[in-house]
Protein backbone atom coordinates (compact mmCIF):
# COMPACT_ATOMS: atom_id res chain seq x y z
CA MET A 1 4.66 31.55 -10.84
CA GLN A 2 8.32 30.06 -10.80
CA ASN A 3 8.70 31.04 -7.17
CA MET A 4 5.36 29.08 -6.16
CA ILE A 5 6.77 26.01 -8.04
CA ASP A 6 10.38 26.53 -6.22
CA GLY A 7 8.52 26.81 -2.96
CA ALA A 8 6.45 23.66 -3.41
CA ILE A 9 9.37 21.52 -4.60
CA ALA A 10 11.20 22.85 -1.37
CA THR A 11 8.13 21.87 0.88
CA LEU A 12 8.08 18.26 -0.87
CA LYS A 13 11.72 17.88 -0.04
CA GLU A 14 11.24 18.66 3.63
CA CYS A 15 8.25 16.50 3.76
CA THR A 16 10.14 13.72 2.17
CA ILE A 17 13.22 14.56 5.08
CA ILE A 18 10.49 14.45 7.52
CA ALA A 19 8.77 10.99 6.41
CA ASP A 20 12.11 9.14 5.95
CA ILE A 21 12.99 10.10 9.72
CA ALA A 22 9.37 9.09 10.83
CA LYS A 23 9.73 5.82 8.97
CA SER A 24 13.15 5.21 10.28
CA ARG A 25 11.90 6.20 14.08
CA LEU A 26 8.82 3.60 13.59
CA GLU A 27 11.20 0.82 12.34
CA GLU A 28 13.06 1.71 15.62
CA VAL A 29 9.91 1.40 17.63
CA LYS A 30 8.82 -2.03 16.01
CA ASN A 31 12.04 -3.54 16.91
CA LEU A 32 11.72 -2.16 20.51
CA GLN A 33 8.15 -3.69 20.39
CA LEU A 34 9.72 -7.12 19.43
CA ASP A 35 12.42 -7.09 22.03
CA ILE A 36 9.48 -6.39 24.78
CA VAL A 37 7.02 -8.69 23.76
CA GLY A 38 9.26 -11.22 21.77
CA ASP A 39 8.57 -12.94 18.19
CA GLU A 40 5.93 -15.10 19.84
CA ASP A 41 2.66 -14.16 21.52
CA ARG A 42 2.85 -11.82 24.57
CA GLU A 43 2.73 -13.99 27.84
CA PHE A 44 -0.32 -13.17 29.94
CA ARG A 45 -0.49 -12.72 33.71
CA THR A 46 -0.59 -15.75 35.82
CA TYR A 47 -2.70 -17.01 38.48
CA SER A 48 -2.08 -18.68 41.99
CA LYS A 49 -4.17 -21.83 42.67
CA ALA A 50 -6.42 -19.45 45.31
CA GLU A 51 -6.74 -17.09 42.57
CA ALA A 52 -7.94 -19.84 40.19
CA GLN A 53 -9.99 -21.03 42.63
CA SER A 54 -11.78 -17.57 42.91
CA TRP A 55 -11.96 -17.14 38.97
CA LEU A 56 -13.50 -20.59 38.84
CA GLY A 57 -16.11 -19.97 41.24
CA VAL A 58 -15.21 -23.05 43.32
CA LYS A 59 -16.14 -23.16 46.83
CA HIS A 60 -13.78 -25.92 48.01
CA ALA A 61 -10.13 -26.13 47.33
CA THR A 62 -10.10 -29.96 47.42
CA LYS A 63 -12.68 -29.97 44.23
CA LEU A 64 -10.17 -28.13 42.51
CA SER A 65 -7.12 -29.88 43.43
CA ARG A 66 -9.01 -33.13 42.24
CA ALA A 67 -9.74 -31.45 39.15
CA ILE A 68 -5.88 -30.57 38.46
CA LYS A 69 -4.65 -34.06 39.39
CA GLU A 70 -6.93 -35.72 36.86
CA LEU A 71 -5.66 -33.44 34.35
CA GLU A 72 -2.46 -34.22 35.07
CA SER A 73 -2.57 -37.87 35.35
CA SER A 74 -4.89 -38.26 32.32
CA PRO A 75 -3.80 -40.55 29.23
CA LYS A 76 -2.71 -36.98 27.61
CA PRO A 77 -1.43 -35.14 30.88
CA VAL A 78 -1.97 -31.65 31.12
CA ARG A 79 1.36 -29.99 32.40
CA PHE A 80 0.64 -26.86 34.55
CA GLU A 81 3.70 -24.55 35.38
CA ARG A 82 4.66 -24.00 38.94
CA GLU A 83 6.80 -21.43 40.71
CA ALA A 84 10.32 -22.35 41.80
CA ASN A 85 8.57 -22.89 45.20
CA GLY A 86 6.53 -25.54 43.95
CA HIS A 87 3.41 -23.36 43.82
CA TYR A 88 0.98 -23.39 40.72
CA LYS A 89 1.27 -20.44 38.25
CA PHE A 90 -1.81 -20.78 35.85
CA THR A 91 -2.32 -19.09 32.65
CA ILE A 92 -5.62 -17.96 31.49
CA GLN A 93 -5.63 -20.87 28.87
CA ASP A 94 -5.30 -23.13 31.94
CA LEU A 95 -8.01 -21.45 33.75
CA HIS A 96 -10.22 -22.16 30.40
CA THR A 97 -8.77 -26.05 30.52
CA LEU A 98 -9.72 -26.38 34.05
CA ALA A 99 -13.36 -24.97 33.57
CA ASP A 100 -14.02 -27.20 30.70
CA ALA A 101 -12.86 -30.23 32.83
CA MET A 102 -14.85 -29.27 35.72
CA ASP A 103 -18.09 -28.70 33.65
CA ILE A 104 -18.28 -25.02 34.53
CA PRO A 105 -20.56 -23.64 31.57
CA LYS A 106 -19.59 -20.93 29.09
CA PHE A 107 -21.99 -18.57 28.45
CA LYS A 108 -23.73 -19.27 25.07
CA ARG A 109 -26.01 -16.82 22.94
CA LYS A 110 -29.39 -18.07 22.22
CA PRO A 111 -30.60 -17.79 18.43
CA ASN A 112 -32.43 -14.33 19.47
CA ASP A 113 -29.67 -13.08 21.45
CA LYS A 114 -27.58 -11.19 18.82
CA CYS A 115 -24.08 -10.28 18.77
CA GLN A 116 -23.40 -7.08 20.83
CA VAL A 117 -21.44 -4.64 18.64
CA ILE A 118 -20.49 -1.81 20.95
CA CYS A 119 -18.88 1.67 19.38
CA VAL A 120 -16.66 3.40 21.39
CA SER A 121 -16.90 6.68 20.14
CA ALA A 122 -15.93 10.33 20.71
CA LEU A 123 -15.12 13.22 18.48
CA LYS A 124 -12.92 14.72 20.80
CA GLY A 125 -9.23 13.47 20.80
CA GLY A 126 -7.55 12.33 24.10
CA ALA A 127 -11.25 11.04 25.33
CA ALA A 128 -9.87 7.75 26.12
CA LYS A 129 -11.62 5.86 23.55
CA THR A 130 -8.89 3.35 22.93
CA THR A 131 -7.90 2.93 26.58
CA THR A 132 -11.98 2.44 27.19
CA ALA A 133 -11.99 -0.11 24.17
CA VAL A 134 -8.86 -2.39 24.76
CA ASN A 135 -9.46 -2.52 28.51
CA VAL A 136 -13.31 -2.95 28.35
CA ALA A 137 -12.70 -5.90 25.67
CA SER A 138 -9.95 -7.54 27.81
CA GLY A 139 -12.11 -7.39 31.07
CA LEU A 140 -15.07 -8.86 29.45
CA ALA A 141 -12.95 -11.46 28.23
CA VAL A 142 -10.98 -12.47 31.63
CA ASN A 143 -13.21 -11.04 34.56
CA ASN A 144 -15.22 -14.18 35.01
CA ASN A 145 -15.64 -17.89 34.08
CA LYS A 146 -18.21 -17.19 31.43
CA ARG A 147 -15.44 -17.05 28.61
CA TYR A 148 -17.40 -14.27 26.68
CA ARG A 149 -16.16 -14.61 22.97
CA VAL A 150 -14.68 -11.04 22.37
CA ALA A 151 -13.24 -9.29 19.61
CA VAL A 152 -11.76 -5.88 19.04
CA ILE A 153 -12.01 -4.01 15.46
CA ASP A 154 -9.65 -1.25 15.35
CA LEU A 155 -11.04 1.19 13.02
CA ASP A 156 -8.74 3.95 13.61
CA PRO A 157 -6.10 4.07 11.03
CA GLN A 158 -3.29 5.21 13.56
CA GLY A 159 -3.51 2.02 14.97
CA THR A 160 -2.84 2.55 18.59
CA GLY A 161 -5.43 -0.32 19.60
CA THR A 162 -3.72 -2.91 17.11
CA MET A 163 -0.58 -2.29 19.34
CA PHE A 164 -2.26 -3.94 22.50
CA GLY A 165 -3.56 -6.84 20.47
CA VAL A 166 -0.97 -7.43 17.74
CA PRO A 167 1.94 -5.74 18.52
CA ASN A 168 3.91 -7.51 16.06
CA LEU A 169 1.73 -6.65 12.92
CA THR A 170 3.44 -7.51 9.80
CA ASP A 171 2.97 -6.16 6.09
CA ASP A 172 1.41 -9.87 5.48
CA ASP A 173 -1.23 -9.25 7.55
CA PHE A 174 -4.70 -7.98 6.54
CA THR A 175 -6.54 -5.09 8.33
CA VAL A 176 -10.01 -3.79 8.38
CA GLY A 177 -9.15 -1.25 5.76
CA ASP A 178 -7.95 -4.18 3.53
CA ILE A 179 -11.36 -5.94 3.80
CA LEU A 180 -13.53 -3.03 3.29
CA GLN A 181 -11.53 -1.77 0.35
CA GLY A 182 -11.37 -5.25 -1.16
CA ASN A 183 -7.68 -5.39 -1.13
CA PHE A 184 -7.32 -9.32 -1.20
CA ASP A 185 -7.40 -12.11 -3.26
CA LEU A 186 -9.11 -15.52 -2.24
CA ASP A 187 -7.18 -18.62 -2.26
CA GLU A 188 -8.80 -21.72 -4.18
CA GLY A 189 -11.93 -22.72 -2.58
CA GLU A 190 -11.89 -20.19 0.18
CA SER A 191 -14.73 -18.20 0.64
CA GLU A 192 -15.06 -14.48 1.67
CA LYS A 193 -16.51 -15.39 4.92
CA ASP A 194 -13.59 -17.52 5.97
CA PHE A 195 -11.32 -15.15 4.52
CA VAL A 196 -12.56 -12.34 6.96
CA LYS A 197 -12.73 -14.73 9.97
CA SER A 198 -8.83 -15.32 9.28
CA CYS A 199 -8.04 -11.77 9.41
CA PHE A 200 -8.99 -11.71 13.08
CA LYS A 201 -5.74 -12.40 15.15
CA ASN A 202 -5.47 -14.29 18.29
CA THR A 203 -4.24 -12.89 21.30
CA SER A 204 -2.70 -14.54 24.48
CA ILE A 205 -6.22 -14.38 25.95
CA PRO A 206 -7.84 -17.47 24.31
CA ASN A 207 -11.46 -15.79 23.85
CA LEU A 208 -10.18 -12.20 22.89
CA ASP A 209 -9.04 -11.48 19.11
CA TYR A 210 -8.27 -8.47 17.44
CA LEU A 211 -8.93 -7.21 13.81
CA PRO A 212 -6.12 -4.87 13.13
CA ALA A 213 -5.49 -1.61 11.67
CA ARG A 214 -3.01 0.56 9.81
CA VAL A 215 -2.30 3.97 8.32
CA SER A 216 -3.17 2.71 4.75
CA ASP A 217 -6.68 2.12 5.89
CA PHE A 218 -7.33 5.81 5.50
CA PHE A 219 -7.73 5.17 1.90
CA PHE A 220 -10.84 3.45 2.50
CA GLU A 221 -12.17 7.08 2.54
CA SER A 222 -11.09 7.61 -0.91
CA VAL A 223 -12.51 4.28 -2.01
CA ALA A 224 -16.08 4.97 -0.49
CA GLU A 225 -16.11 8.48 -1.87
CA GLN A 226 -15.34 6.89 -5.41
CA ILE A 227 -18.42 4.67 -4.94
CA LYS A 228 -20.44 7.47 -3.96
CA ILE A 229 -19.73 9.31 -7.19
CA ASP A 230 -20.18 6.32 -9.42
CA GLU A 231 -23.65 5.56 -7.95
CA TYR A 232 -24.76 9.10 -7.61
CA ASP A 233 -26.35 9.37 -11.26
CA GLN A 234 -27.07 5.83 -11.37
CA PRO A 235 -31.08 5.06 -11.47
CA ASN A 236 -32.12 3.15 -8.39
CA SER A 237 -28.61 2.95 -7.04
CA ASP A 238 -28.52 2.80 -3.40
CA LYS A 239 -26.88 5.85 -1.88
CA ASN A 240 -26.43 4.54 1.69
CA ARG A 241 -24.69 1.50 0.49
CA THR A 242 -21.21 2.67 1.61
CA TYR A 243 -22.45 3.01 5.36
CA ARG A 244 -23.27 -0.71 5.30
CA LEU A 245 -19.70 -2.04 4.28
CA LEU A 246 -18.48 -2.79 7.64
CA LYS A 247 -21.38 -4.86 8.92
CA GLU A 248 -22.17 -6.47 5.70
CA ARG A 249 -18.30 -7.53 4.80
CA ILE A 250 -17.17 -8.03 8.70
CA ILE A 251 -19.42 -7.95 11.23
CA ASP A 252 -22.08 -10.24 9.73
CA ALA A 253 -19.17 -12.75 8.74
CA VAL A 254 -18.26 -13.04 12.34
CA SER A 255 -21.38 -12.40 14.32
CA ASP A 256 -21.74 -15.80 15.10
CA ASP A 257 -18.08 -16.25 16.56
CA TYR A 258 -18.32 -13.77 18.89
CA ASP A 259 -20.75 -12.61 21.67
CA ILE A 260 -19.24 -9.06 22.01
CA ILE A 261 -17.28 -6.87 19.55
CA ILE A 262 -16.02 -3.68 20.37
CA LEU A 263 -15.16 -1.10 17.60
CA ASP A 264 -12.32 1.33 18.45
CA THR A 265 -13.01 4.60 16.52
CA ALA A 266 -11.26 7.54 15.31
CA PRO A 267 -11.94 11.12 16.51
CA ALA A 268 -13.43 12.15 12.90
CA LEU A 269 -16.76 12.35 11.30
CA ASN A 270 -16.19 10.35 8.11
CA THR A 271 -17.45 7.28 6.37
CA THR A 272 -15.54 4.99 8.60
CA PHE A 273 -17.35 6.66 11.48
CA TYR A 274 -20.73 6.24 9.81
CA ASN A 275 -19.94 2.64 9.14
CA ALA A 276 -19.20 2.18 12.78
CA ILE A 277 -22.84 3.63 13.99
CA TYR A 278 -24.19 1.39 11.28
CA ALA A 279 -22.56 -1.76 12.33
CA SER A 280 -23.07 -0.96 16.06
CA THR A 281 -25.89 -2.24 18.48
CA SER A 282 -24.77 0.10 21.14
CA LEU A 283 -22.83 3.25 21.76
CA LEU A 284 -20.39 3.91 24.59
CA ILE A 285 -19.27 7.72 24.92
CA PRO A 286 -16.21 8.35 26.94
CA VAL A 287 -16.00 12.04 28.29
CA ILE A 288 -13.44 13.61 30.53
CA PRO A 289 -14.80 15.69 33.24
CA GLU A 290 -13.18 18.77 31.95
CA LEU A 291 -14.54 21.86 30.40
CA VAL A 292 -12.89 21.40 26.89
CA SER A 293 -13.56 17.86 26.63
CA LEU A 294 -17.23 18.19 27.92
CA ASP A 295 -17.88 21.08 25.55
CA ALA A 296 -16.88 19.06 22.47
CA THR A 297 -19.03 16.01 24.00
CA LEU A 298 -22.15 18.10 24.29
CA LYS A 299 -21.77 19.49 20.71
CA TYR A 300 -21.38 15.77 19.78
CA LEU A 301 -24.35 14.82 21.55
CA GLU A 302 -26.28 17.92 20.23
CA ARG A 303 -25.72 16.33 16.82
CA LEU A 304 -26.18 12.86 17.49
CA LYS A 305 -29.77 12.82 16.21
CA ASP A 306 -28.38 14.14 12.87
CA ILE A 307 -25.77 11.44 12.76
CA TYR A 308 -27.90 8.48 13.79
CA ALA A 309 -30.47 9.55 11.23
CA ILE A 310 -28.29 8.98 8.53
CA ALA A 311 -27.70 5.31 9.92
CA ALA A 312 -31.32 5.06 10.31
CA LYS A 313 -31.79 6.05 6.46
CA ALA A 314 -29.11 3.28 5.39
CA GLY A 315 -31.24 0.67 7.43
CA HIS A 316 -30.26 0.42 11.11
CA GLU A 317 -32.77 -1.05 13.36
CA GLY A 318 -31.90 0.98 16.60
CA MET A 319 -29.34 0.83 19.56
CA ASP A 320 -29.79 -1.32 22.33
CA PHE A 321 -28.26 1.38 24.69
CA ILE A 322 -26.44 4.43 24.41
CA ARG A 323 -24.20 5.37 27.43
CA MET A 324 -21.44 7.70 28.62
CA LEU A 325 -18.68 6.87 30.38
CA VAL A 326 -16.65 9.47 32.48
CA THR A 327 -12.92 8.74 31.93
CA ASN A 328 -9.63 10.14 33.43
CA PHE A 329 -11.58 10.89 36.53
CA ASP A 330 -9.09 12.29 39.41
CA ASP A 331 -10.23 11.48 42.81
CA SER A 332 -6.73 11.42 44.64
CA GLY A 333 -4.70 14.37 43.15
CA ASN A 334 -4.75 17.91 43.44
CA LYS A 335 -7.82 19.19 45.53
CA THR A 336 -8.84 21.75 42.95
CA HIS A 337 -8.69 19.29 40.28
CA ILE A 338 -10.76 16.52 42.35
CA THR A 339 -13.16 19.46 43.00
CA VAL A 340 -13.60 20.21 39.15
CA HIS A 341 -13.79 16.65 37.96
CA ARG A 342 -16.49 15.75 40.67
CA THR A 343 -18.42 18.97 39.70
CA TYR A 344 -18.73 17.96 36.27
CA LYS A 345 -19.07 14.21 36.62
CA THR A 346 -22.25 14.96 39.00
CA ASP A 347 -23.53 17.60 36.24
CA LEU A 348 -23.27 14.96 33.76
CA GLN A 349 -25.05 12.35 36.10
CA THR A 350 -27.66 15.15 36.74
CA ILE A 351 -28.52 16.01 33.24
CA PHE A 352 -28.39 12.67 31.62
CA SER A 353 -29.41 10.36 34.42
CA ASN A 354 -28.57 6.75 34.13
CA ARG A 355 -27.47 7.40 30.40
CA VAL A 356 -23.97 7.89 32.22
CA LEU A 357 -22.52 4.88 33.89
CA ALA A 358 -22.52 4.87 37.42
CA TYR A 359 -18.89 4.01 37.71
CA PRO A 360 -16.12 6.58 36.16
CA LEU A 361 -12.65 5.47 34.49
CA LYS A 362 -10.46 6.73 37.12
CA HIS A 363 -7.11 8.43 36.54
CA SER A 364 -4.44 5.98 37.12
CA ALA A 365 -0.59 5.77 36.41
CA ALA A 366 -0.98 2.00 36.14
CA ILE A 367 -2.70 2.42 32.47
CA PRO A 368 -0.04 4.14 30.70
CA ILE A 369 2.72 2.11 32.68
CA CYS A 370 0.77 -1.06 31.35
CA ALA A 371 0.61 0.46 27.86
CA ASP A 372 4.31 0.96 27.64
CA ASN A 373 4.28 -3.03 27.84
CA TYR A 374 1.52 -3.12 25.10
CA MET A 375 -0.75 -4.58 28.20
CA THR A 376 -4.07 -3.71 29.45
CA VAL A 377 -4.21 -3.57 33.39
CA PHE A 378 -5.96 -7.08 33.38
CA GLU A 379 -2.86 -8.40 31.48
CA MET A 380 -0.25 -6.94 33.68
CA ASN A 381 1.22 -9.68 36.48
CA PRO A 382 1.17 -7.70 39.70
CA LYS A 383 4.39 -9.33 40.77
CA GLU A 384 5.99 -7.78 37.62
CA TYR A 385 4.40 -4.32 38.03
CA PRO A 386 7.48 -1.73 38.33
CA LYS A 387 5.77 0.57 40.51
CA SER A 388 3.15 0.19 43.36
CA ARG A 389 1.38 -3.23 43.32
CA ALA A 390 -1.58 -1.98 45.19
CA LYS A 391 -1.98 1.08 42.77
CA LEU A 392 -2.38 -1.57 39.80
CA LEU A 393 -4.96 -3.69 41.77
CA ASP A 394 -6.92 -0.31 42.60
CA CYS A 395 -6.80 0.39 38.88
CA VAL A 396 -8.09 -3.54 38.03
CA SER A 397 -10.75 -3.22 40.48
CA ASN A 398 -11.97 0.34 39.08
CA LEU A 399 -11.84 -0.97 35.47
CA SER A 400 -13.61 -4.24 36.77
CA GLU A 401 -16.41 -2.06 38.16
CA VAL A 402 -16.86 -0.49 34.46
CA VAL A 403 -16.68 -3.94 33.00
CA ASN A 404 -19.16 -5.22 35.12
CA GLU A 405 -21.80 -2.37 33.95
CA VAL A 406 -21.02 -2.95 30.37
CA GLU A 407 -21.58 -6.65 30.85
CA VAL A 408 -24.93 -5.95 32.72
CA LEU A 409 -25.99 -3.79 29.58
CA CYS A 410 -25.14 -6.57 27.12
CA CYS A 411 -27.26 -8.90 29.30
CA GLN A 412 -30.15 -6.54 29.44
CA ALA A 413 -30.14 -6.59 25.74
CA TRP A 414 -30.13 -10.21 25.35
CA PRO A 415 -33.80 -11.51 25.51
CA SER A 416 -33.07 -14.85 26.78
CA ILE A 417 -31.04 -12.97 29.75
CA ARG A 418 -33.22 -10.25 30.32
CA THR A 419 -36.22 -12.25 30.57
CA ASN A 420 -34.46 -14.04 33.75
CA MET A 421 -33.20 -10.68 34.93
CA ARG A 422 -36.99 -9.12 35.56
């Protein structure tokens, strides 16, 4: 018995040492982040005048020049930055300002067009869930002049997605777990709805916000289990209430403020996962075209009916779409690797038909290189990209294809647009 106690004490001491090392390293990484991105918000890529004209959809450069001149000479002049050679370098905020000044209409949902909540989900780790979530979100926000209002909710307590949107997360910032667990106090006169809205953090992209995550969000699982235990023997108690908390406490509070919300989930079949399914209007499942990943995905899909049945029992009214996205698709590397990926991709598309997006998310070194700077590929300035500029632009082009497919699916789910698409 004493040997067991001594062994446990020794292990606790070893765990404490490891924890201290990890904490120290996390502080170093955080300080490195601050060195990279600065204490202020990160600076998004800039656009040349020609790129601005393309983004705005303006046919004649003179029309854009006139709008710029009017803004610069207005009673409250707008100052657009220039390169050393005098050429304009517009920020994404500048493009929004120009679009508003030129009366280029924003996308506006009609009353019957519900906020699209897309759950990016896979129970296989390393399937590029976060890569998909953050890049699709950025792409939807910046790829065209519709200016969709987009948000990312990071439901993975590891907080990898948060590093892209809120790299300078502080202990004073509230996370999705804080809201779900009720770890907050309202200020005098503040409503819970207003508080939830305030927890979404702005980014360098004016129409993209993030609700961050941190490791302590794991404790929501314990809170949820306690709720289930407390209500188990209560007469007429709602046994499925814990699966609706994300929608009722967060999504419903902000659904009028965003057109599209992306949920980045952890690879775990837990209460948080079921909350994500219940809160979603659509499901996007990343899968790498390799045997291990494909096997795990097929097992997940095999149980998807049982998984969704729990959400349906809790009151879910149905998904607008369920799609698979082939990720990390290699079409330019080792020939054997290319053959394997093409075979599995073709197999998936043959079996599941149009349930698989037509365009895969291709393997690209640009994705991790941009991630090292806490950026998506849409945020990196090609002039500042440390490797081949062409490779970055190829990656942006590929991800734009994926984003466009997701955008079309969202539009098809909005009745006012779906009618016009027929």
